[in-house]
Amino acid sequence: MWRLWYYFDVRRTLVALHVGLAVLAFTIHFILLSTDRYNWLEDASAAPAAAAALESSEAPAAT
């Protein structure tokens, strides 16, 4: 295994590894953000709760 590093520059290999992993991480996160279920920036489950709260605050108080 140690002979492998005679063929590859260690610094260049580690930089390429980190860049590749960063591209993979960004790709996975952007794929998740494009779905309705896993989009944590525009959470769809918070919208009905906000609408219900708005409707209850607009209702006139019965006295």
PDB file of N, CA and C in Angstrom:
ATOM      1  N   MET A   1       0.824  -1.200   0.000  1.00  0.00           N
ATOM      2  CA  MET A   1       0.000   0.000   0.000  1.00  0.00           C
ATOM      3  C   MET A   1       0.865   1.260   0.000  1.00  0.00           C
ATOM      4  N   TRP A   2       1.969   1.238   0.682  1.00  0.00           N
ATOM      5  CA  TRP A   2       2.801   2.434   0.753  1.00  0.00           C
ATOM      6  C   TRP A   2       3.421   2.768  -0.597  1.00  0.00           C
ATOM      7  N   ARG A   3       3.527   1.803  -1.492  1.00  0.00           N
ATOM      8  CA  ARG A   3       4.082   2.073  -2.821  1.00  0.00           C
ATOM      9  C   ARG A   3       3.116   2.872  -3.684  1.00  0.00           C
ATOM     10  N   LEU A   4       1.857   2.833  -3.314  1.00  0.00           N
ATOM     11  CA  LEU A   4       0.847   3.574  -4.063  1.00  0.00           C
ATOM     12  C   LEU A   4       1.161   5.069  -4.062  1.00  0.00           C
ATOM     13  N   TRP A   5       1.697   5.579  -2.958  1.00  0.00           N
ATOM     14  CA  TRP A   5       1.943   7.019  -2.837  1.00  0.00           C
ATOM     15  C   TRP A   5       3.150   7.465  -3.640  1.00  0.00           C
ATOM     16  N   TYR A   6       3.911   6.525  -4.217  1.00  0.00           N
ATOM     17  CA  TYR A   6       4.955   6.906  -5.158  1.00  0.00           C
ATOM     18  C   TYR A   6       4.353   7.374  -6.481  1.00  0.00           C
ATOM     19  N   TYR A   7       3.161   6.903  -6.794  1.00  0.00           N
ATOM     20  CA  TYR A   7       2.516   7.242  -8.053  1.00  0.00           C
ATOM     21  C   TYR A   7       1.599   8.456  -7.934  1.00  0.00           C
ATOM     22  N   PHE A   8       1.103   8.730  -6.739  1.00  0.00           N
ATOM     23  CA  PHE A   8       0.183   9.841  -6.521  1.00  0.00           C
ATOM     24  C   PHE A   8       0.788  10.830  -5.537  1.00  0.00           C
ATOM     25  N   ASP A   9       0.630  12.111  -5.848  1.00  0.00           N
ATOM     26  CA  ASP A   9       1.051  13.160  -4.916  1.00  0.00           C
ATOM     27  C   ASP A   9       0.023  13.223  -3.788  1.00  0.00           C
ATOM     28  N   VAL A  10       0.488  13.184  -2.549  1.00  0.00           N
ATOM     29  CA  VAL A  10      -0.407  13.113  -1.396  1.00  0.00           C
ATOM     30  C   VAL A  10      -1.268  14.367  -1.291  1.00  0.00           C
ATOM     31  N   ARG A  11      -0.682  15.525  -1.427  1.00  0.00           N
ATOM     32  CA  ARG A  11      -1.449  16.765  -1.299  1.00  0.00           C
ATOM     33  C   ARG A  11      -2.502  16.893  -2.383  1.00  0.00           C
ATOM     34  N   ARG A  12      -2.130  16.587  -3.603  1.00  0.00           N
ATOM     35  CA  ARG A  12      -3.071  16.694  -4.709  1.00  0.00           C
ATOM     36  C   ARG A  12      -4.211  15.683  -4.549  1.00  0.00           C
ATOM     37  N   THR A  13      -3.885  14.496  -4.075  1.00  0.00           N
ATOM     38  CA  THR A  13      -4.897  13.469  -3.862  1.00  0.00           C
ATOM     39  C   THR A  13      -5.875  13.876  -2.771  1.00  0.00           C
ATOM     40  N   LEU A  14      -5.369  14.422  -1.671  1.00  0.00           N
ATOM     41  CA  LEU A  14      -6.256  14.843  -0.579  1.00  0.00           C
ATOM     42  C   LEU A  14      -7.131  16.025  -0.986  1.00  0.00           C
ATOM     43  N   VAL A  15      -6.583  16.954  -1.750  1.00  0.00           N
ATOM     44  CA  VAL A  15      -7.386  18.080  -2.234  1.00  0.00           C
ATOM     45  C   VAL A  15      -8.490  17.577  -3.155  1.00  0.00           C
ATOM     46  N   ALA A  16      -8.158  16.665  -4.052  1.00  0.00           N
ATOM     47  CA  ALA A  16      -9.166  16.109  -4.963  1.00  0.00           C
ATOM     48  C   ALA A  16     -10.232  15.345  -4.185  1.00  0.00           C
ATOM     49  N   LEU A  17      -9.829  14.627  -3.138  1.00  0.00           N
ATOM     50  CA  LEU A  17     -10.791  13.897  -2.314  1.00  0.00           C
ATOM     51  C   LEU A  17     -11.746  14.847  -1.614  1.00  0.00           C
ATOM     52  N   HIS A  18     -11.229  15.926  -1.030  1.00  0.00           N
ATOM     53  CA  HIS A  18     -12.085  16.878  -0.326  1.00  0.00           C
ATOM     54  C   HIS A  18     -13.007  17.626  -1.291  1.00  0.00           C
ATOM     55  N   VAL A  19     -12.511  17.993  -2.441  1.00  0.00           N
ATOM     56  CA  VAL A  19     -13.355  18.683  -3.424  1.00  0.00           C
ATOM     57  C   VAL A  19     -14.458  17.745  -3.906  1.00  0.00           C
ATOM     58  N   GLY A  20     -14.119  16.499  -4.151  1.00  0.00           N
ATOM     59  CA  GLY A  20     -15.126  15.530  -4.592  1.00  0.00           C
ATOM     60  C   GLY A  20     -16.194  15.298  -3.546  1.00  0.00           C
ATOM     61  N   LEU A  21     -15.794  15.196  -2.280  1.00  0.00           N
ATOM     62  CA  LEU A  21     -16.770  15.005  -1.211  1.00  0.00           C
ATOM     63  C   LEU A  21     -17.639  16.244  -1.013  1.00  0.00           C
ATOM     64  N   ALA A  22     -17.064  17.426  -1.186  1.00  0.00           N
ATOM     65  CA  ALA A  22     -17.855  18.652  -1.067  1.00  0.00           C
ATOM     66  C   ALA A  22     -18.885  18.742  -2.185  1.00  0.00           C
ATOM     67  N   VAL A  23     -18.502  18.385  -3.402  1.00  0.00           N
ATOM     68  CA  VAL A  23     -19.455  18.390  -4.521  1.00  0.00           C
ATOM     69  C   VAL A  23     -20.562  17.376  -4.264  1.00  0.00           C
ATOM     70  N   LEU A  24     -20.211  16.208  -3.761  1.00  0.00           N
ATOM     71  CA  LEU A  24     -21.220  15.200  -3.441  1.00  0.00           C
ATOM     72  C   LEU A  24     -22.179  15.695  -2.361  1.00  0.00           C
ATOM     73  N   ALA A  25     -21.657  16.343  -1.320  1.00  0.00           N
ATOM     74  CA  ALA A  25     -22.503  16.853  -0.239  1.00  0.00           C
ATOM     75  C   ALA A  25     -23.452  17.945  -0.743  1.00  0.00           C
ATOM     76  N   PHE A  26     -22.935  18.873  -1.547  1.00  0.00           N
ATOM     77  CA  PHE A  26     -23.798  19.930  -2.085  1.00  0.00           C
ATOM     78  C   PHE A  26     -24.865  19.350  -3.003  1.00  0.00           C
ATOM     79  N   THR A  27     -24.496  18.355  -3.798  1.00  0.00           N
ATOM     80  CA  THR A  27     -25.463  17.729  -4.694  1.00  0.00           C
ATOM     81  C   THR A  27     -26.592  17.070  -3.912  1.00  0.00           C
ATOM     82  N   ILE A  28     -26.243  16.324  -2.868  1.00  0.00           N
ATOM     83  CA  ILE A  28     -27.257  15.657  -2.052  1.00  0.00           C
ATOM     84  C   ILE A  28     -28.163  16.685  -1.378  1.00  0.00           C
ATOM     85  N   HIS A  29     -27.586  17.749  -0.843  1.00  0.00           N
ATOM     86  CA  HIS A  29     -28.403  18.752  -0.159  1.00  0.00           C
ATOM     87  C   HIS A  29     -29.332  19.483  -1.125  1.00  0.00           C
ATOM     88  N   PHE A  30     -28.864  19.805  -2.317  1.00  0.00           N
ATOM     89  CA  PHE A  30     -29.728  20.484  -3.279  1.00  0.00           C
ATOM     90  C   PHE A  30     -30.816  19.553  -3.799  1.00  0.00           C
ATOM     91  N   ILE A  31     -30.531  18.262  -3.919  1.00  0.00           N
ATOM     92  CA  ILE A  31     -31.579  17.314  -4.302  1.00  0.00           C
ATOM     93  C   ILE A  31     -32.639  17.257  -3.209  1.00  0.00           C
ATOM     94  N   LEU A  32     -32.224  17.226  -1.952  1.00  0.00           N
ATOM     95  CA  LEU A  32     -33.191  17.194  -0.857  1.00  0.00           C
ATOM     96  C   LEU A  32     -34.001  18.486  -0.788  1.00  0.00           C
ATOM     97  N   LEU A  33     -33.365  19.617  -1.061  1.00  0.00           N
ATOM     98  CA  LEU A  33     -34.100  20.880  -1.029  1.00  0.00           C
ATOM     99  C   LEU A  33     -35.104  20.998  -2.165  1.00  0.00           C
ATOM    100  N   SER A  34     -34.929  20.235  -3.226  1.00  0.00           N
ATOM    101  CA  SER A  34     -35.866  20.321  -4.344  1.00  0.00           C
ATOM    102  C   SER A  34     -37.108  19.471  -4.116  1.00  0.00           C
ATOM    103  N   THR A  35     -37.148  18.660  -3.057  1.00  0.00           N
ATOM    104  CA  THR A  35     -38.326  17.837  -2.777  1.00  0.00           C
ATOM    105  C   THR A  35     -39.241  18.562  -1.796  1.00  0.00           C
ATOM    106  N   ASP A  36     -40.514  18.191  -1.807  1.00  0.00           N
ATOM    107  CA  ASP A  36     -41.468  18.792  -0.873  1.00  0.00           C
ATOM    108  C   ASP A  36     -41.302  18.227   0.531  1.00  0.00           C
ATOM    109  N   ARG A  37     -40.941  16.966   0.630  1.00  0.00           N
ATOM    110  CA  ARG A  37     -40.883  16.313   1.940  1.00  0.00           C
ATOM    111  C   ARG A  37     -39.666  16.746   2.760  1.00  0.00           C
ATOM    112  N   TYR A  38     -38.529  16.926   2.114  1.00  0.00           N
ATOM    113  CA  TYR A  38     -37.295  17.191   2.846  1.00  0.00           C
ATOM    114  C   TYR A  38     -36.776  18.618   2.691  1.00  0.00           C
ATOM    115  N   ASN A  39     -37.594  19.538   2.218  1.00  0.00           N
ATOM    116  CA  ASN A  39     -37.174  20.926   2.094  1.00  0.00           C
ATOM    117  C   ASN A  39     -37.356  21.604   3.448  1.00  0.00           C
ATOM    118  N   TRP A  40     -36.255  21.815   4.152  1.00  0.00           N
ATOM    119  CA  TRP A  40     -36.330  22.386   5.493  1.00  0.00           C
ATOM    120  C   TRP A  40     -36.339  23.903   5.484  1.00  0.00           C
ATOM    121  N   LEU A  41     -36.113  24.525   4.336  1.00  0.00           N
ATOM    122  CA  LEU A  41     -36.153  25.985   4.270  1.00  0.00           C
ATOM    123  C   LEU A  41     -37.584  26.488   4.091  1.00  0.00           C
ATOM    124  N   GLU A  42     -38.360  25.826   3.271  1.00  0.00           N
ATOM    125  CA  GLU A  42     -39.773  26.169   3.079  1.00  0.00           C
ATOM    126  C   GLU A  42     -40.584  24.989   3.576  1.00  0.00           C
ATOM    127  N   ASP A  43     -40.717  24.876   4.870  1.00  0.00           N
ATOM    128  CA  ASP A  43     -41.361  23.724   5.486  1.00  0.00           C
ATOM    129  C   ASP A  43     -42.857  23.754   5.204  1.00  0.00           C
ATOM    130  N   ALA A  44     -43.347  22.759   4.499  1.00  0.00           N
ATOM    131  CA  ALA A  44     -44.762  22.720   4.119  1.00  0.00           C
ATOM    132  C   ALA A  44     -45.658  22.425   5.316  1.00  0.00           C
ATOM    133  N   SER A  45     -45.152  21.755   6.331  1.00  0.00           N
ATOM    134  CA  SER A  45     -45.993  21.441   7.488  1.00  0.00           C
ATOM    135  C   SER A  45     -46.252  22.661   8.359  1.00  0.00           C
ATOM    136  N   ALA A  46     -45.453  23.692   8.240  1.00  0.00           N
ATOM    137  CA  ALA A  46     -45.659  24.905   9.035  1.00  0.00           C
ATOM    138  C   ALA A  46     -46.738  25.792   8.415  1.00  0.00           C
ATOM    139  N   ALA A  47     -47.021  25.644   7.144  1.00  0.00           N
ATOM    140  CA  ALA A  47     -47.996  26.506   6.473  1.00  0.00           C
ATOM    141  C   ALA A  47     -49.422  26.300   6.994  1.00  0.00           C
ATOM    142  N   PRO A  48     -49.937  25.073   7.167  1.00  0.00           N
ATOM    143  CA  PRO A  48     -51.299  24.931   7.699  1.00  0.00           C
ATOM    144  C   PRO A  48     -51.428  25.454   9.133  1.00  0.00           C
ATOM    145  N   ALA A  49     -50.406  25.273   9.933  1.00  0.00           N
ATOM    146  CA  ALA A  49     -50.463  25.779  11.302  1.00  0.00           C
ATOM    147  C   ALA A  49     -50.504  27.301  11.314  1.00  0.00           C
ATOM    148  N   ALA A  50     -49.748  27.926  10.441  1.00  0.00           N
ATOM    149  CA  ALA A  50     -49.749  29.385  10.369  1.00  0.00           C
ATOM    150  C   ALA A  50     -51.089  29.892   9.855  1.00  0.00           C
ATOM    151  N   ALA A  51     -51.668  29.197   8.898  1.00  0.00           N
ATOM    152  CA  ALA A  51     -52.971  29.608   8.370  1.00  0.00           C
ATOM    153  C   ALA A  51     -54.057  29.453   9.428  1.00  0.00           C
ATOM    154  N   ALA A  52     -54.004  28.389  10.215  1.00  0.00           N
ATOM    155  CA  ALA A  52     -54.993  28.179  11.276  1.00  0.00           C
ATOM    156  C   ALA A  52     -54.861  29.244  12.358  1.00  0.00           C
ATOM    157  N   ALA A  53     -53.646  29.613  12.675  1.00  0.00           N
ATOM    158  CA  ALA A  53     -53.433  30.650  13.680  1.00  0.00           C
ATOM    159  C   ALA A  53     -53.942  31.995  13.187  1.00  0.00           C
ATOM    160  N   LEU A  54     -53.756  32.251  11.903  1.00  0.00           N
ATOM    161  CA  LEU A  54     -54.228  33.503  11.328  1.00  0.00           C
ATOM    162  C   LEU A  54     -55.752  33.555  11.327  1.00  0.00           C
ATOM    163  N   GLU A  55     -56.417  32.441  10.982  1.00  0.00           N
ATOM    164  CA  GLU A  55     -57.875  32.399  10.973  1.00  0.00           C
ATOM    165  C   GLU A  55     -58.455  32.567  12.379  1.00  0.00           C
ATOM    166  N   SER A  56     -57.823  31.969  13.378  1.00  0.00           N
ATOM    167  CA  SER A  56     -58.344  32.079  14.732  1.00  0.00           C
ATOM    168  C   SER A  56     -58.140  33.488  15.281  1.00  0.00           C
ATOM    169  N   SER A  57     -57.090  34.172  14.842  1.00  0.00           N
ATOM    170  CA  SER A  57     -56.888  35.536  15.341  1.00  0.00           C
ATOM    171  C   SER A  57     -57.825  36.519  14.660  1.00  0.00           C
ATOM    172  N   GLU A  58     -58.321  36.202  13.446  1.00  0.00           N
ATOM    173  CA  GLU A  58     -59.212  37.089  12.735  1.00  0.00           C
ATOM    174  C   GLU A  58     -60.671  36.902  13.150  1.00  0.00           C
ATOM    175  N   ALA A  59     -60.987  35.781  13.786  1.00  0.00           N
ATOM    176  CA  ALA A  59     -62.374  35.519  14.181  1.00  0.00           C
ATOM    177  C   ALA A  59     -62.789  36.521  15.262  1.00  0.00           C
ATOM    178  N   PRO A  60     -64.026  37.047  15.165  1.00  0.00           N
ATOM    179  CA  PRO A  60     -64.471  37.997  16.182  1.00  0.00           C
ATOM    180  C   PRO A  60     -64.740  37.277  17.506  1.00  0.00           C
ATOM    181  N   ALA A  61     -64.453  37.962  18.557  1.00  0.00           N
ATOM    182  CA  ALA A  61     -64.659  37.383  19.881  1.00  0.00           C
ATOM    183  C   ALA A  61     -66.144  37.434  20.236  1.00  0.00           C
ATOM    184  N   ALA A  62     -66.680  36.297  20.676  1.00  0.00           N
ATOM    185  CA  ALA A  62     -68.086  36.241  21.057  1.00  0.00           C
ATOM    186  C   ALA A  62     -68.212  36.624  22.532  1.00  0.00           C
ATOM    187  N   THR A  63     -68.950  37.694  22.797  1.00  0.00           N
ATOM    188  CA  THR A  63     -69.126  38.125  24.183  1.00  0.00           C
ATOM    189  C   THR A  63     -70.574  38.173  24.571  1.00  0.00           C
TER     190      THR A  63
END
